Protein backbone atom coordinates (compact mmCIF):
# COMPACT_ATOMS: atom_id res chain seq x y z
CA MET A 1 76.81 110.99 96.14
CA LEU A 2 79.57 113.36 97.24
CA SER A 3 79.10 112.36 100.90
CA THR A 4 79.42 108.68 99.99
CA LEU A 5 82.58 109.39 97.99
CA VAL A 6 84.17 111.37 100.85
CA GLY A 7 83.25 108.69 103.39
CA GLY A 8 84.66 105.95 101.16
CA MET A 9 87.91 107.87 100.63
CA LEU A 10 88.37 108.42 104.37
CA TYR A 11 87.64 104.74 105.00
CA ALA A 12 90.23 103.63 102.43
CA ILE A 13 92.89 106.08 103.63
CA THR A 14 92.35 105.20 107.30
CA THR A 15 92.38 101.47 106.57
CA ARG A 16 95.60 101.79 104.59
CA SER A 17 97.22 103.89 107.32
CA ILE A 18 96.22 101.47 110.09
CA GLU A 19 97.39 98.49 108.04
CA SER A 20 100.73 100.21 107.42
CA ASP A 21 101.15 100.93 111.14
CA VAL A 22 100.19 97.36 112.08
CA GLN A 23 102.60 95.92 109.52
CA GLU A 24 105.39 98.17 110.77
CA ARG A 25 104.69 97.00 114.32
CA PHE A 26 104.77 93.38 113.14
CA VAL A 27 108.12 93.94 111.38
CA ARG A 28 109.53 95.46 114.58
CA HIS A 29 108.47 92.37 116.54
CA ALA A 30 109.97 90.14 113.85
CA LYS A 31 113.27 92.04 114.00
CA TYR A 32 113.24 91.72 117.78
CA ALA A 33 112.72 87.95 117.47
CA GLN A 34 115.53 87.84 114.93
CA ALA A 35 117.81 89.67 117.37
CA VAL A 36 116.91 87.18 120.12
CA ILE A 37 117.78 84.27 117.79
CA ASN A 38 121.12 85.91 117.03
CA MET A 39 121.83 86.36 120.73
CA ARG A 40 120.99 82.72 121.49
CA ILE A 41 123.13 81.45 118.64
CA LYS A 42 125.94 83.66 119.94
CA SER A 43 125.48 82.32 123.46
CA TYR A 44 125.72 78.73 122.16
CA THR A 45 128.76 79.72 120.12
CA ASP A 46 130.34 81.26 123.22
CA LEU A 47 129.51 78.05 125.11
CA LEU A 48 131.37 76.05 122.48
CA ARG A 49 134.36 78.40 122.54
CA GLY A 50 134.48 78.29 126.35
CA ALA A 51 134.43 74.50 126.41
CA ALA A 52 137.17 74.41 123.77
CA SER A 53 139.28 76.77 125.88
CA VAL A 54 138.89 74.42 128.86
CA LEU A 55 140.11 71.46 126.81
CA GLN A 56 143.05 73.46 125.45
CA SER A 57 144.06 74.82 128.86
CA GLY A 58 145.43 71.53 130.25
CA ASP A 59 148.17 69.17 129.24
CA THR A 60 145.92 66.13 129.66
CA ASN A 61 142.16 65.63 129.46
CA SER A 62 139.87 62.96 130.80
CA HIS A 63 136.24 62.05 130.41
CA ARG A 64 135.72 62.75 134.13
CA GLN A 65 137.03 66.32 133.80
CA PHE A 66 134.83 66.95 130.76
CA HIS A 67 131.82 65.47 132.57
CA ASP A 68 132.33 67.67 135.64
CA TYR A 69 132.73 70.78 133.50
CA VAL A 70 129.52 70.15 131.54
CA GLN A 71 127.60 69.37 134.73
CA GLY A 72 128.68 72.73 136.11
CA LEU A 73 127.21 74.48 133.07
CA ARG A 74 123.68 73.30 134.04
CA LEU A 75 122.65 73.00 130.41
CA ALA A 76 118.99 72.22 131.13
CA THR A 77 118.59 75.58 132.88
CA ASN A 78 121.00 77.88 131.07
CA TYR A 79 121.01 76.32 127.59
CA PRO A 80 117.74 74.37 127.29
CA ALA A 81 118.07 73.72 123.55
CA VAL A 82 121.51 72.07 123.84
CA ASP A 83 121.43 68.29 123.37
CA THR A 84 125.06 67.36 123.80
CA LEU A 85 128.61 68.57 123.93
CA ASN A 86 130.99 66.06 122.39
CA PHE A 87 134.69 65.81 121.77
CA ALA A 88 136.18 63.82 118.88
CA ALA A 89 139.87 62.91 119.22
CA TRP A 90 142.28 63.06 116.29
CA VAL A 91 143.92 59.64 115.84
CA LEU A 92 146.38 58.56 113.17
CA GLU A 93 146.20 55.04 111.79
CA GLU A 94 149.47 54.02 113.44
CA ASP A 95 148.17 55.20 116.82
CA ARG A 96 144.78 53.50 116.50
CA PRO A 97 145.51 50.30 118.51
CA GLN A 98 146.91 52.23 121.45
CA PHE A 99 144.01 54.72 121.32
CA GLU A 100 141.40 51.96 121.21
CA ALA A 101 142.90 50.29 124.29
CA GLU A 102 143.07 53.53 126.28
CA PHE A 103 139.64 54.62 125.03
CA THR A 104 138.01 51.34 126.09
CA ARG A 105 139.73 51.40 129.49
CA GLU A 106 138.69 55.01 130.21
CA LEU A 107 135.11 54.49 129.03
CA GLN A 108 134.71 51.33 131.13
CA ALA A 109 136.10 53.13 134.15
CA PHE A 110 133.59 55.90 133.61
CA LEU A 111 130.51 53.98 132.41
CA GLY A 112 131.18 50.47 133.64
CA PRO A 113 132.65 47.23 132.25
CA GLY A 114 129.82 46.84 129.75
CA ALA A 115 131.02 49.75 127.64
CA ARG A 116 132.79 48.44 124.55
CA PRO A 117 133.17 51.21 121.93
CA VAL A 118 133.69 50.31 118.30
CA ILE A 119 135.07 52.67 115.67
CA THR A 120 132.47 53.18 112.95
CA PRO A 121 132.28 53.16 110.04
CA ALA A 122 134.58 50.19 109.76
CA GLY A 123 137.65 50.29 107.61
CA ILE A 124 141.20 51.52 107.61
CA ARG A 125 141.83 55.22 106.96
CA PRO A 126 144.93 57.42 107.27
CA ALA A 127 143.42 59.30 110.22
CA TYR A 128 140.30 59.26 112.35
CA LEU A 129 138.26 61.82 114.29
CA ILE A 130 136.64 59.58 116.89
CA VAL A 131 133.86 60.74 119.23
CA SER A 132 135.31 60.16 122.71
CA TYR A 133 133.34 62.38 125.13
CA ILE A 134 129.58 62.91 125.08
CA GLU A 135 127.80 65.00 127.68
CA PRO A 136 125.42 65.36 129.42
CA ASP A 137 123.97 62.01 128.21
CA ALA A 138 127.17 60.09 128.80
CA ASN A 139 125.38 56.72 128.94
CA ASN A 140 124.34 56.90 125.27
CA THR A 141 127.08 54.53 124.09
CA ARG A 142 125.83 54.20 120.52
CA LEU A 143 127.63 57.38 119.46
CA TYR A 144 130.97 56.57 121.08
CA GLY A 145 133.57 55.58 118.51
CA LEU A 146 131.86 57.34 115.60
CA ASP A 147 134.49 58.50 113.11
CA LEU A 148 133.44 61.91 111.82
CA MET A 149 136.03 61.71 109.03
CA GLY A 150 134.07 58.81 107.54
CA ASN A 151 131.48 61.26 106.14
CA PRO A 152 132.85 62.77 102.89
CA TYR A 153 131.25 66.16 103.39
CA PHE A 154 132.12 66.44 107.08
CA HIS A 155 135.62 65.26 106.21
CA THR A 156 136.11 68.34 104.01
CA GLN A 157 134.68 70.72 106.60
CA LEU A 158 136.67 69.26 109.47
CA VAL A 159 139.92 69.42 107.51
CA GLN A 160 139.24 73.07 106.64
CA SER A 161 138.41 73.84 110.27
CA ARG A 162 141.61 72.13 111.43
CA ASP A 163 143.76 74.11 109.00
CA ASP A 164 142.25 77.59 109.51
CA GLY A 165 141.22 77.25 113.17
CA GLN A 166 137.70 78.57 112.48
CA LEU A 167 134.39 77.41 113.87
CA ARG A 168 132.18 75.55 111.38
CA ALA A 169 128.39 75.29 111.23
CA SER A 170 127.23 73.10 108.38
CA GLY A 171 123.51 73.73 108.63
CA ARG A 172 122.85 70.06 107.88
CA PRO A 173 120.49 68.33 110.36
CA ILE A 174 122.20 65.69 112.45
CA ALA A 175 120.74 62.42 111.20
CA ALA A 176 121.29 60.56 114.48
CA LEU A 177 119.22 63.08 116.44
CA SER A 178 116.78 64.60 113.96
CA THR A 179 113.25 63.44 113.18
CA PRO A 180 110.63 64.94 110.82
CA GLY A 181 109.75 68.35 112.20
CA ASP A 182 112.48 68.19 114.86
CA ASN A 183 115.85 69.06 113.34
CA HIS A 184 119.01 69.10 115.43
CA LEU A 185 122.00 71.10 114.23
CA GLY A 186 125.62 71.24 115.25
CA MET A 187 128.64 73.50 115.40
CA ARG A 188 132.24 72.34 115.68
CA MET A 189 135.57 73.99 116.29
CA PRO A 190 139.12 72.63 116.44
CA VAL A 191 141.01 71.99 119.69
CA TYR A 192 144.78 72.34 119.73
CA ARG A 193 147.55 71.27 122.11
CA HIS A 194 148.25 73.67 124.98
CA GLY A 195 151.10 76.13 124.41
CA SER A 196 151.49 75.52 120.68
CA MET A 197 152.27 78.25 118.16
CA LEU A 198 149.34 78.48 115.75
CA VAL A 199 150.40 80.75 112.90
CA ASN A 200 149.96 78.65 109.80
CA ALA A 201 148.21 75.48 108.67
CA GLU A 202 151.28 73.27 109.27
CA GLN A 203 151.53 74.35 112.91
CA ARG A 204 147.82 73.81 113.42
CA ARG A 205 148.00 70.30 111.96
CA ALA A 206 150.92 69.42 114.23
CA ALA A 207 149.11 70.71 117.36
CA TYR A 208 145.67 69.36 116.41
CA LEU A 209 144.05 67.34 119.24
CA GLY A 210 140.55 66.95 117.86
CA SER A 211 137.20 68.66 117.35
CA LEU A 212 134.71 69.87 119.93
CA GLY A 213 131.09 70.01 118.88
CA ILE A 214 127.74 71.11 120.20
CA ALA A 215 124.37 69.73 119.12
CA PHE A 216 121.17 71.62 119.81
CA SER A 217 117.48 71.25 119.08
CA LEU A 218 116.36 73.90 116.61
CA PRO A 219 112.65 73.68 117.62
CA LYS A 220 113.51 74.20 121.30
CA LEU A 221 115.66 77.18 120.42
CA LEU A 222 113.06 78.84 118.18
CA HIS A 223 109.98 77.96 120.24
CA GLY A 224 111.65 79.70 123.15
CA VAL A 225 112.05 82.78 120.96
CA MET A 226 108.44 82.65 119.80
CA ASP A 227 107.25 82.44 123.40
CA GLU A 228 108.77 85.88 123.93
CA MET A 229 106.87 87.44 121.03
CA PRO A 230 103.85 89.45 122.23
CA ILE A 231 101.85 88.56 119.10
CA PRO A 232 99.88 85.29 119.29
CA GLY A 233 99.63 83.01 116.29
CA VAL A 234 102.87 84.05 114.56
CA ARG A 235 104.27 81.45 112.20
CA MET A 236 108.05 81.19 111.91
CA THR A 237 109.71 79.33 109.04
CA LEU A 238 113.49 78.99 108.92
CA PHE A 239 115.25 78.28 105.61
CA ASP A 240 118.82 77.33 104.84
CA VAL A 241 119.69 79.40 101.75
CA GLY A 242 123.36 78.41 101.54
CA PRO A 243 124.99 76.33 98.79
CA ARG A 244 123.04 73.20 97.90
CA ASP A 245 126.02 70.88 98.24
CA VAL A 246 125.85 71.41 101.99
CA ILE A 247 123.55 68.41 102.25
CA GLY A 248 125.68 66.25 100.02
CA HIS A 249 123.60 66.31 96.87
CA ASP A 250 121.33 68.50 94.81
CA THR A 251 117.66 68.72 95.68
CA ALA A 252 114.54 70.04 94.02
CA THR A 253 113.21 71.54 97.24
CA TRP A 254 115.37 74.54 97.92
CA PRO A 255 115.79 76.60 100.06
CA LYS A 256 115.91 73.87 102.67
CA VAL A 257 113.26 74.22 105.39
CA LEU A 258 114.94 73.67 108.75
CA PHE A 259 112.04 74.66 111.00
CA ASP A 260 108.36 75.47 110.67
CA SER A 261 106.33 76.35 113.74
CA ARG A 262 103.20 75.01 112.00
CA GLY A 263 104.90 71.75 111.02
CA SER A 264 104.08 68.34 112.45
CA ALA A 265 105.54 64.86 112.27
CA SER A 266 103.22 63.96 109.39
CA ASN A 267 103.64 67.29 107.56
CA PRO A 268 106.82 69.01 108.75
CA THR A 269 106.79 71.70 106.02
CA PRO A 270 103.24 72.87 105.22
CA PRO A 271 102.99 75.49 102.45
CA LEU A 272 103.41 79.10 103.47
CA ALA A 273 100.28 81.17 103.86
CA GLY A 274 99.76 83.99 101.40
CA GLY A 275 97.21 86.50 100.22
CA ASN A 276 96.02 89.88 101.39
CA ASP A 277 94.94 88.58 104.80
CA VAL A 278 98.47 87.75 105.97
CA PHE A 279 101.40 89.92 107.04
CA THR A 280 104.79 88.50 106.02
CA ALA A 281 108.32 89.57 106.93
CA THR A 282 111.47 87.83 105.65
CA LEU A 283 114.75 88.59 107.40
CA PRO A 284 118.31 87.27 106.92
CA LEU A 285 120.14 85.37 109.65
CA ASP A 286 123.81 84.38 109.93
CA PHE A 287 124.49 81.00 111.52
CA ASN A 288 128.25 81.34 112.00
CA GLY A 289 128.87 81.94 108.32
CA ARG A 290 125.97 79.84 107.09
CA PRO A 291 123.24 82.04 105.50
CA TRP A 292 119.76 81.45 106.85
CA GLN A 293 116.50 83.18 106.13
CA THR A 294 113.58 83.53 108.53
CA THR A 295 110.04 84.16 107.33
CA TYR A 296 107.49 85.42 109.86
CA SER A 297 103.80 85.40 108.96
CA VAL A 298 100.64 86.10 110.88
CA PRO A 299 96.97 86.67 109.95
CA LYS A 300 96.18 90.37 109.91
CA ALA A 301 93.22 89.78 112.21
CA ARG A 302 95.60 88.71 115.00
CA LEU A 303 97.24 92.14 115.02
CA ARG A 304 94.16 94.30 114.70
CA THR A 305 92.52 95.64 117.83
CA ASN A 306 88.87 96.61 118.16
CA PHE A 307 89.95 100.20 117.63
CA ASP A 308 91.69 99.25 114.36
CA VAL A 309 88.49 97.54 113.18
CA TYR A 310 86.02 100.28 114.08
CA TYR A 311 88.15 103.36 113.48
CA PRO A 312 87.91 103.23 109.63
CA LYS A 313 84.13 102.82 109.92
CA LEU A 314 84.03 105.74 112.32
CA MET A 315 86.03 107.85 109.88
CA MET A 316 83.70 106.82 107.05
CA ALA A 317 80.68 107.88 109.11
CA PHE A 318 82.46 111.08 110.10
CA GLY A 319 83.27 111.85 106.46
CA PHE A 320 79.71 111.07 105.35
CA LEU A 321 78.02 113.14 108.06
CA GLY A 322 80.68 115.86 107.95
CA SER A 323 80.27 116.34 104.21
CA ILE A 324 76.48 116.48 104.63
CA LEU A 325 76.81 119.09 107.38
CA LEU A 326 79.33 121.05 105.33
CA TYR A 327 77.01 120.95 102.34
CA ALA A 328 74.13 122.11 104.54
CA LEU A 329 76.27 124.96 105.89
CA LEU A 330 77.31 126.01 102.39
CA HIS A 331 73.70 125.78 101.26
CA ILE A 332 72.59 127.97 104.17
CA LEU A 333 75.33 130.51 103.49
CA THR A 334 74.53 130.55 99.77
CA SER A 335 70.80 130.88 100.43
CA SER A 336 71.42 133.66 102.97
CA ARG A 337 73.61 135.53 100.49
CA ARG A 338 71.05 135.09 97.75
CA ALA A 339 68.29 136.34 100.08
CA ALA A 340 70.45 139.28 101.20
CA LEU A 341 71.16 140.21 97.58
CA GLY A 342 67.45 139.97 96.76
CA LEU A 343 66.57 142.12 99.78
CA ALA A 344 69.22 144.66 98.84
CA GLN A 345 67.92 144.78 95.27
CA GLU A 346 64.37 145.19 96.54
CA MET A 347 65.40 147.96 98.94
CA THR A 348 67.36 149.65 96.16
CA SER A 349 64.35 149.44 93.86
CA GLU A 350 62.06 150.86 96.55
CA LEU A 351 64.56 153.61 97.30
CA ARG A 352 64.75 154.53 93.64
CA GLU A 353 60.95 154.51 93.41
CA SER A 354 60.74 156.70 96.53
CA GLN A 355 63.34 159.04 95.04
CA ALA A 356 61.36 159.22 91.80
CA ARG A 357 58.14 159.90 93.72
CA LEU A 358 59.93 162.55 95.77
CA GLN A 359 61.18 164.23 92.61
CA MET A 360 57.68 164.14 91.14
CA SER A 361 56.26 165.62 94.36
CA HIS A 362 58.93 168.30 94.28
CA GLN A 363 58.05 169.14 90.68
CA LYS A 364 54.37 169.22 91.58
CA LEU A 365 55.09 171.52 94.51
CA ARG A 366 57.13 173.76 92.25
CA ARG A 367 54.36 173.86 89.68
CA LEU A 368 51.83 174.49 92.45
CA ALA A 369 54.00 177.26 93.90
CA ASP A 370 54.39 178.78 90.44
CA HIS A 371 50.68 178.54 89.89
CA ALA A 372 49.95 180.12 93.29
CA TYR A 373 52.47 182.85 92.56
CA GLN A 374 50.85 183.47 89.19
CA ILE A 375 47.44 183.66 90.81
CA LYS A 376 48.83 186.02 93.43
CA GLU A 377 50.39 188.22 90.77
CA MET A 378 47.22 188.22 88.76
CA GLU A 379 45.22 189.13 91.86
CA ARG A 380 47.61 191.94 92.76
CA LYS A 381 47.52 193.13 89.17
CA ARG A 382 43.72 193.07 89.22
CA ILE A 383 43.58 194.94 92.54
CA ALA A 384 46.10 197.49 91.30
CA ARG A 385 44.15 197.95 88.11
CA GLU A 386 40.87 198.33 89.97
CA ILE A 387 42.43 200.84 92.36
CA HIS A 388 43.94 202.67 89.43
CA ASP A 389 40.76 202.61 87.44
CA ASP A 390 38.13 203.19 90.08
CA LEU A 391 39.81 205.06 92.91
CA GLY A 392 42.20 206.95 90.63
CA GLN A 393 39.43 208.18 88.40
CA SER A 394 37.33 209.18 91.41
CA LEU A 395 40.22 211.09 92.95
CA LEU A 396 41.00 212.70 89.61
CA ALA A 397 37.37 213.79 89.22
CA LEU A 398 37.35 215.06 92.80
CA ARG A 399 40.56 217.02 92.14
CA ILE A 400 39.01 218.59 89.06
CA GLU A 401 36.00 219.64 91.11
CA ALA A 402 38.22 220.97 93.89
CA GLU A 403 40.37 222.82 91.39
CA LEU A 404 37.24 224.37 89.81
CA LEU A 405 36.01 225.36 93.25
CA ALA A 406 39.33 226.90 94.11
CA GLY A 407 39.30 228.85 90.86
CA ARG A 408 35.83 230.19 91.40
CA THR A 409 36.42 231.27 94.95
CA LYS A 410 39.70 232.95 94.25
CA GLY A 411 39.33 236.55 95.14
CA THR A 412 35.76 236.33 96.27
CA HIS A 413 35.74 233.90 99.06
CA SER A 414 39.15 233.74 100.53
CA HIS A 415 38.27 231.48 103.34
CA LEU A 416 36.51 229.00 101.03
CA HIS A 417 39.32 229.39 98.53
CA LYS A 418 41.82 228.50 101.21
CA ARG A 419 39.81 225.47 102.14
CA ALA A 420 39.48 224.47 98.50
CA ARG A 421 43.28 224.77 98.01
CA ALA A 422 43.89 222.70 101.12
CA THR A 423 41.47 220.09 99.82
CA LEU A 424 43.23 220.12 96.46
CA ILE A 425 46.57 219.58 98.15
CA GLN A 426 45.08 216.76 100.21
CA ILE A 427 43.67 215.16 97.05
CA ASP A 428 47.11 215.32 95.37
CA THR A 429 48.68 213.73 98.39
CA THR A 430 46.04 211.00 98.30
CA ILE A 431 46.62 210.44 94.58
CA LYS A 432 50.36 210.02 95.26
CA SER A 433 49.60 207.54 98.02
CA VAL A 434 47.29 205.58 95.73
CA ARG A 435 49.91 205.56 92.98
CA GLN A 436 52.48 204.29 95.51
CA ILE A 437 50.10 201.54 96.59
CA ILE A 438 49.45 200.58 92.96
CA ASN A 439 53.19 200.55 92.27
CA ASP A 440 53.76 198.33 95.31
CA LEU A 441 51.08 195.89 94.20
CA ARG A 442 52.30 195.77 90.62
CA PRO A 443 55.70 197.33 89.91
CA THR A 444 55.86 199.02 86.55
CA VAL A 445 59.09 197.17 85.61
CA LEU A 446 57.16 193.82 85.50
CA ASP A 447 55.01 195.18 82.72
C-alpha cells in the first residue's frame, strides 16, 4: 500500500513538472512567434513610411515614377504578404474637372487608351480622396477612381490622419480584397507637399497631397510566421479587440476573428479547442495603435517526447520498487537489531547464571575447605591427645621407675646411680620434646 502511494505521488509530481516545463517551452515559442509578427508588421510599416517619403521628396509625382519605385522593392521576394501599394490624391470639388482630365490622360498613357477611370461612389462632395496609383497590379483598373472619403468611417479616420500626421491602421478587412478565411488589411498615412512647415493642423491641411496606403494578406503574413515555429500542429487565432465601432456597427460576435489557421472557406472561424489536453497561450499585439490579441493552442501530445511520456512511469516504478527495497532494508535492520538484543539478553542471562554457579562453587569450595580444615584439626587434636595420653603416660611411668632406681642406687651403686640419673635426665628431655610436639599439633590457646 505504501509503495503504491509513493509511486503514485512520484508519478503525479513528475507529470506535473514535465507538463509545466512543456507549457513554459510552448509559451516561449508563442512569444517568439509574437515577436516575429511584430517585426513583420514593423517592416511593412517602415515600407509604407519609406514610400511616403519618396512621394514627399519631389515637387511632382507620376504614375511611372511610383511604378518604378515599387518594382525596385521586389515585393514578392521581400514582402510576400503585401498585395498593393496605392496612393489616393486629395482633390477639392472645384479642382475635380481638371483632375479627372489629367488623371485619365496619365492613366491612358500608362495603361493604354482603354483605361477610363470613374470616380466612385458617384455624387458631389466638398473634397475627394481618389485612388490614383496602384502597384504592383497596375492593370487592375476597377479600383482606380475609388473615393476613400465616400466611406463614413474611413472619412473620419482619414481626416484625423491628415490633421495629426499619424499613420492609421483600422483593423477592418478590406472588402474588395477579402474573402471568408482570407482577410486583407491596410495601413494608411498622409503625404504632404515637399518643403512645407507641418506644425499644426492648419498647416497640414494646406500642404496635404493625399494618402498612401498598403494592403497585405493577413494569412500570408501569419502562415509565414507559423512556418518558422518548431512545433507542428500549432493553431493561431488572431482577434481584433479594439472598439466595436471600427467595423461600422455593433456585432454580437466580438472580439472579431481576423485569422484562424484552422479556418476554411466554409468555416473560417471554427470554435477554439479547450480542455485539459490542450496548451493555450494568449498574448497581446499592437497593430499600429490597434489592439489585437493572438491565441496559440496546440494539443499537449504534440509537445511531449517519448521521454516525457515514459519518464513519469519510470519514476512511478522507481518509487514503487525503491519504497519496497527501503522497507526491506528497514525490516532487515530492525530484525538484526531485535536479534542482536535477544542475543545480548541471552548472553547476559548465561553470564549471570555462570556467575551464580561460580559463586555457588566458591561457597562449596569454602565449605569444603572449612570441613577439611576441621577434619585436619580434629585429627591433629586426636593425635596430640593420643600422644599425650599414651606416650606421655608411658614416659611418666618410665621416669617414675628411673627415679626409683636412682634413689635406690644412690650411695650403693654409684655407677648404676649415675646411669639411672642420666636416664632420668634423658626421659625429662623426651617428655619436653613430646610436650612440644603436642603443643605444635594442638596449641593450648585454641582450647
